[in-house]
Protein backbone atom coordinates (compact mmCIF):
# COMPACT_ATOMS: atom_id res chain seq x y z
CA MET A 1 55.88 70.69 45.28
CA ASN A 2 57.70 71.37 48.55
CA PRO A 3 58.94 68.34 50.52
CA SER A 4 56.65 67.41 53.40
CA PRO A 5 57.91 68.32 56.88
CA ILE A 6 59.81 65.62 58.70
CA LEU A 7 59.66 67.73 61.89
CA GLN A 8 57.08 70.29 62.89
CA ALA A 9 56.80 72.30 66.11
CA ASP A 10 53.63 74.17 67.03
CA GLY A 11 53.57 76.48 70.05
CA LEU A 12 56.31 74.42 71.65
CA SER A 13 57.56 75.15 75.15
CA ALA A 14 59.82 72.72 77.00
CA GLY A 15 62.55 72.49 79.58
CA TYR A 16 63.32 70.89 82.90
CA PRO A 17 61.40 70.54 86.19
CA GLY A 18 60.48 74.01 87.37
CA ARG A 19 62.18 75.77 84.46
CA ASP A 20 61.12 76.26 80.84
CA VAL A 21 64.02 76.74 78.43
CA LEU A 22 62.11 76.90 75.13
CA HIS A 23 59.23 79.29 74.64
CA ASP A 24 56.43 79.17 72.05
CA LEU A 25 58.45 77.79 69.12
CA SER A 26 56.74 77.10 65.81
CA PHE A 27 58.65 75.88 62.75
CA SER A 28 58.95 73.04 60.29
CA ILE A 29 61.93 71.19 58.83
CA ALA A 30 61.52 69.57 55.44
CA SER A 31 62.81 66.12 54.63
CA GLY A 32 66.34 66.36 53.21
CA GLU A 33 67.32 69.66 54.85
CA MET A 34 70.50 70.30 56.81
CA VAL A 35 69.62 72.77 59.54
CA GLY A 36 72.02 74.47 61.93
CA LEU A 37 70.96 75.62 65.40
CA ILE A 38 73.11 78.58 66.41
CA GLY A 39 73.09 81.01 69.30
CA PRO A 40 74.97 81.79 72.51
CA ASN A 41 75.39 79.46 75.47
CA GLY A 42 72.06 78.96 77.23
CA ALA A 43 69.99 79.81 74.15
CA GLY A 44 68.28 76.41 74.21
CA LYS A 45 70.00 74.66 71.28
CA THR A 46 70.71 71.34 73.00
CA THR A 47 67.31 71.35 74.72
CA LEU A 48 65.60 71.78 71.36
CA LEU A 49 67.68 68.98 69.85
CA ARG A 50 66.67 66.67 72.72
CA VAL A 51 63.00 67.55 72.21
CA MET A 52 63.44 66.66 68.52
CA ALA A 53 64.92 63.34 69.64
CA GLY A 54 62.01 62.67 72.00
CA ASP A 55 64.24 62.70 75.08
CA ILE A 56 62.42 65.72 76.54
CA ALA A 57 58.63 65.97 76.29
CA PRO A 58 57.04 69.32 75.42
CA GLY A 59 55.52 71.19 78.33
CA THR A 60 53.00 72.83 76.00
CA GLY A 61 52.49 72.59 72.26
CA THR A 62 53.66 69.72 70.09
CA MET A 63 56.71 68.37 68.28
CA ARG A 64 55.72 66.09 65.41
CA PHE A 65 57.83 63.63 63.46
CA GLN A 66 56.24 62.84 60.10
CA ALA A 67 52.93 64.23 61.37
CA GLU A 68 52.91 62.06 64.52
CA PRO A 69 53.57 63.56 67.97
CA ILE A 70 57.01 62.32 68.99
CA SER A 71 55.67 61.66 72.48
CA SER A 72 53.28 59.06 71.01
CA LEU A 73 56.10 56.98 69.52
CA SER A 74 57.68 54.14 71.47
CA HIS A 75 61.33 54.36 72.37
CA ARG A 76 62.11 51.61 69.84
CA ALA A 77 60.15 53.33 67.07
CA ARG A 78 61.95 56.60 67.71
CA ALA A 79 65.35 54.91 67.75
CA ARG A 80 64.67 53.30 64.39
CA SER A 81 63.92 56.66 62.76
CA ILE A 82 65.82 59.28 64.77
CA ALA A 83 69.48 59.12 65.79
CA TYR A 84 70.73 61.56 68.43
CA VAL A 85 74.51 61.90 68.75
CA PRO A 86 75.61 63.87 71.85
CA PRO A 87 78.84 65.90 71.93
CA THR A 88 80.48 63.34 74.21
CA LEU A 89 79.72 59.78 75.11
CA ASP A 90 81.02 57.39 77.75
CA LEU A 91 83.01 55.33 75.27
CA MET A 92 83.63 51.79 76.47
CA SER A 93 87.36 51.41 75.88
CA ALA A 94 87.24 47.62 75.99
CA MET A 95 85.05 47.66 72.90
CA SER A 96 86.34 47.50 69.37
CA VAL A 97 85.20 50.19 66.95
CA ALA A 98 82.97 47.65 65.17
CA GLU A 99 81.40 46.56 68.47
CA PHE A 100 80.74 50.17 69.42
CA VAL A 101 79.12 50.99 66.06
CA ALA A 102 77.05 47.80 66.37
CA LEU A 103 75.24 49.41 69.32
CA GLY A 104 73.35 51.37 66.69
CA ARG A 105 71.53 48.17 65.74
CA THR A 106 70.05 47.74 69.24
CA PRO A 107 66.61 49.11 68.25
CA TYR A 108 66.30 46.32 65.70
CA LEU A 109 67.24 43.42 67.98
CA GLU A 110 64.28 41.70 69.58
CA GLY A 111 65.01 39.87 72.81
CA TRP A 112 68.35 38.08 72.62
CA ARG A 113 68.52 37.96 68.82
CA ARG A 114 72.07 38.11 67.50
CA LEU A 115 73.18 40.41 64.70
CA GLY A 116 71.87 39.20 61.37
CA SER A 117 73.22 39.73 57.88
CA GLY A 118 71.20 42.94 57.47
CA ASP A 119 72.59 44.31 60.74
CA LYS A 120 76.15 43.50 59.73
CA GLU A 121 75.65 45.18 56.35
CA ALA A 122 74.35 48.33 58.07
CA ILE A 123 77.39 48.37 60.37
CA GLU A 124 79.76 47.94 57.44
CA ARG A 125 78.05 50.75 55.52
CA ALA A 126 78.37 53.04 58.54
CA LEU A 127 82.06 52.19 58.96
CA HIS A 128 82.77 52.83 55.28
CA ALA A 129 80.75 56.06 55.25
CA THR A 130 82.84 57.42 58.13
CA ASP A 131 86.12 56.05 56.73
CA LEU A 132 86.56 53.75 59.72
CA ALA A 133 86.48 50.35 58.00
CA SER A 134 90.22 49.88 58.56
CA PHE A 135 89.73 50.74 62.27
CA ALA A 136 87.02 48.14 62.89
CA GLY A 137 89.18 45.89 65.06
CA ARG A 138 90.88 48.63 67.06
CA ASN A 139 89.86 49.49 70.62
CA MET A 140 87.93 52.71 71.10
CA HIS A 141 90.50 54.07 73.57
CA GLU A 142 93.14 53.98 70.83
CA LEU A 143 91.32 56.52 68.68
CA SER A 144 92.04 60.23 68.40
CA GLU A 145 89.29 62.70 69.28
CA GLY A 146 88.43 63.17 65.62
CA GLU A 147 88.23 59.42 65.10
CA LYS A 148 86.00 59.05 68.17
CA HIS A 149 83.65 61.67 66.74
CA ARG A 150 83.51 59.70 63.51
CA ALA A 151 82.77 56.51 65.45
CA MET A 152 79.89 58.24 67.25
CA ILE A 153 78.48 59.40 63.92
CA ALA A 154 78.93 55.85 62.57
CA LEU A 155 76.89 54.53 65.53
CA GLY A 156 74.13 56.96 64.59
CA LEU A 157 74.29 55.93 60.93
CA ALA A 158 74.09 52.25 61.86
CA GLN A 159 70.60 53.02 63.17
CA GLU A 160 69.71 53.83 59.54
CA PRO A 161 67.78 56.92 60.65
CA GLU A 162 65.68 59.24 58.59
CA LEU A 163 66.70 62.09 60.92
CA LEU A 164 70.22 62.55 62.30
CA LEU A 165 70.63 64.98 65.23
CA LEU A 166 74.20 66.02 66.01
CA ASP A 167 75.00 68.07 69.10
CA GLU A 168 78.26 69.98 68.62
CA PRO A 169 79.84 67.41 66.26
CA THR A 170 83.05 69.47 65.99
CA ALA A 171 83.48 70.28 69.70
CA HIS A 172 87.11 70.25 70.88
CA LEU A 173 88.48 69.55 67.39
CA ASP A 174 91.15 71.56 65.58
CA ILE A 175 90.36 73.27 62.27
CA LYS A 176 91.44 70.35 60.09
CA HIS A 177 89.49 67.68 61.96
CA ALA A 178 86.45 69.91 62.51
CA TRP A 179 86.12 70.63 58.82
CA GLN A 180 86.79 67.01 57.90
CA ILE A 181 83.92 65.97 60.18
CA MET A 182 81.67 68.56 58.54
CA GLU A 183 82.68 67.42 55.06
CA LEU A 184 81.71 63.90 56.11
CA ILE A 185 78.36 65.07 57.47
CA HIS A 186 77.71 67.13 54.35
CA ASP A 187 78.54 64.16 52.11
CA LEU A 188 76.09 61.99 54.08
CA HIS A 189 73.43 64.65 53.67
CA SER A 190 74.07 65.01 49.94
CA SER A 191 74.48 61.36 48.98
CA ASP A 192 71.99 59.65 51.28
CA SER A 193 69.42 62.47 51.57
CA VAL A 194 69.45 62.12 55.37
CA THR A 195 67.79 65.03 57.14
CA ILE A 196 70.36 66.49 59.53
CA VAL A 197 70.09 69.00 62.37
CA ILE A 198 73.27 70.15 64.11
CA THR A 199 74.08 72.54 66.91
CA THR A 200 77.27 74.51 66.52
CA HIS A 201 79.08 77.51 67.99
CA ASP A 202 81.14 77.88 64.81
CA LEU A 203 79.20 80.36 62.70
CA ASN A 204 81.55 79.92 59.75
CA ILE A 205 80.87 76.18 59.70
CA ALA A 206 77.15 76.93 59.89
CA SER A 207 77.48 79.31 56.95
CA GLU A 208 79.46 76.87 54.84
CA PHE A 209 77.48 73.67 55.32
CA CYS A 210 73.89 74.31 56.43
CA THR A 211 71.00 74.88 54.06
CA ARG A 212 69.06 76.78 56.75
CA LEU A 213 69.82 78.30 60.14
CA PHE A 214 67.81 78.82 63.32
CA LEU A 215 69.28 81.67 65.37
CA MET A 216 68.17 81.09 68.96
CA ASP A 217 68.05 83.63 71.77
CA GLN A 218 66.87 82.79 75.30
CA GLY A 219 64.75 79.89 74.11
CA ARG A 220 63.12 81.72 71.23
CA LEU A 221 63.82 81.96 67.50
CA ALA A 222 65.40 85.30 66.76
CA ALA A 223 65.75 84.55 63.04
CA THR A 224 65.40 81.67 60.60
CA GLY A 225 66.35 81.31 56.96
CA VAL A 226 69.20 80.57 54.60
CA PRO A 227 72.63 81.59 55.96
CA GLY A 228 72.63 84.81 53.94
CA ASP A 229 69.41 85.94 55.62
CA VAL A 230 70.45 85.06 59.18
CA LEU A 231 74.17 85.84 59.33
CA LYS A 232 74.05 89.63 59.42
CA ASP A 233 75.87 92.15 61.59
CA GLU A 234 72.96 93.55 63.57
CA PRO A 235 70.98 90.42 64.56
CA LEU A 236 74.15 88.50 65.45
CA SER A 237 75.55 91.39 67.49
CA ASN A 238 72.24 91.75 69.33
CA VAL A 239 71.79 88.05 70.10
CA TYR A 240 75.42 87.40 71.10
CA ASP A 241 75.63 90.75 72.92
CA TYR A 242 78.96 91.39 71.25
CA PRO A 243 79.84 93.30 68.08
CA VAL A 244 80.49 91.18 65.00
CA ARG A 245 81.13 91.94 61.35
CA VAL A 246 79.93 89.67 58.55
CA VAL A 247 81.96 89.59 55.35
CA VAL A 248 80.94 87.85 52.12
CA ASP A 249 83.74 85.76 50.62
CA ALA A 250 84.34 87.13 47.13
CA ASP A 251 85.30 83.71 45.75
CA THR A 252 82.65 81.43 47.27
CA GLY A 253 79.87 83.77 48.38
CA ALA A 254 79.96 82.22 51.85
CA ARG A 255 79.55 84.54 54.83
CA ARG A 256 82.39 84.85 57.34
CA VAL A 257 81.73 86.15 60.84
CA PHE A 258 84.40 88.12 62.68
CA PRO A 259 84.10 89.35 66.29
CA GLN A 260 85.05 93.01 66.64
CA ARG A 261 87.13 94.10 69.60
CA PRO A 262 85.36 96.89 71.49
CA GLN A 263 86.90 100.32 71.05
CA TRP A 264 87.61 101.18 74.69
CA PRO A 265 87.94 104.83 75.74
CA ALA A 266 91.51 106.10 75.88
CA GLY A 267 93.31 104.89 78.99
CA ARG A 268 90.91 102.01 79.68
CA LYS A 269 92.22 98.45 79.51
CA SER A 270 90.02 95.63 78.22
């Protein structure tokens, strides 16, 4: 039996006042998947992620979370089930790492209730999961960019979500720290069975870590499927409007995407 959808879009269009960005999208995401949203700048990846989070309401059609329209859920109910982690956040430097991660418990605090034992346990689990337990007392401004990304993910985990939405979790990171972040995310997905949706411009990361990909083009789905079905020369070259070559790694079977420099006519400079 296939897992029931945790997210389902039907005829979804959405965007901003006076401008639709997403057009007639229909898809489902099963509980426990790790889905990558890929596509060029302006394709609608972040807008779709924000619709999944309930931050942007559909213009037409529906986005459902566990069969309920997301728009029908209260802000608190959404925050207890869905964690959205943006690519950057206005980090309060006066806060310690533990205090920052504790913000993830806000949806569970009624009125002026202080953190309880269950809240503190959730914070500790999030710090350990992101390898930040030893950083708990440090100020946020003391962290490296990679450590700040981990703290933001820890904040999301402290919400104890069923669905974790990560917008460009490896933005501005070098290779080592980008892949360490993705290893962390993959471990969370594998060990805790959290459903994860990420946006990424790194097609090789998408190939390596995601169970399924949505290739977006001008607010529409150009292709969906496992990485091997989506990461192909022709559809990628068409969507990105630039020639690419996809090579299958002989050792791992993963697909690697390489941009191809245009062959300019003799005498022309690129």
